[in-house]
């Protein structure tokens, strides 16, 4: 089969203005919880898109670790490519794709670091191996081989034993949304798309052509 011939008809659900929430965070909360309850593989996985000083975009998949009225939170190495790009251009886009539910959520906004207290609390909730790994991996840097990672993990494991502190280069980011889009696949490619844009008095909800 040619890749151009691979097709799917989307017919699971619909999304309309009357049944959706006026607050996009509530709509997101509903859809995320439906993905979790539906046992979708890795419902917490999201793509993060950033733009570097050379204006080249880049994407990677990370895991959402929290969300509330302040925004969407994930944790990473601040010295990684995404960390460096966000330091120079603090705007990003997120995307969730729940294939089995035929749904996509896109979120855009400004990115800020979470407080040190929030980063500490999450870091110390992680498994020990993950905490050691945050010290062992010089994320996004060129390394000579996997042996370096194993050696670093052994070194920091021996140094910190059962209580590694949070590395100064590791912590959380929060995207503060100013634009959301909810996409529900529909038959004949006449998909449902609702966009929410932030206004001075709340959120403007509009339907977009598919």
Foldseek 3Di string as FASTA:
>chain_A
DDPVPDDDFFAQDADDPVPADQAVVVNVVVVLVVLVVVVQPQSQKKKKWFAAPVRDIDIDIFGFDDQDLQFTKGKDFLQAPVNRRCVVPQKIKMKGQRPVQQKMKIFIAGKDFDDPVVFQVVLVVDPQLVNLQRQQDPHNDDDPDCVSSVVSSVVVCVVQPRHDGHDPRIGMMGGGTQKMWMWHGHGPRQIWIWMWGADPVGTDIDTDGD
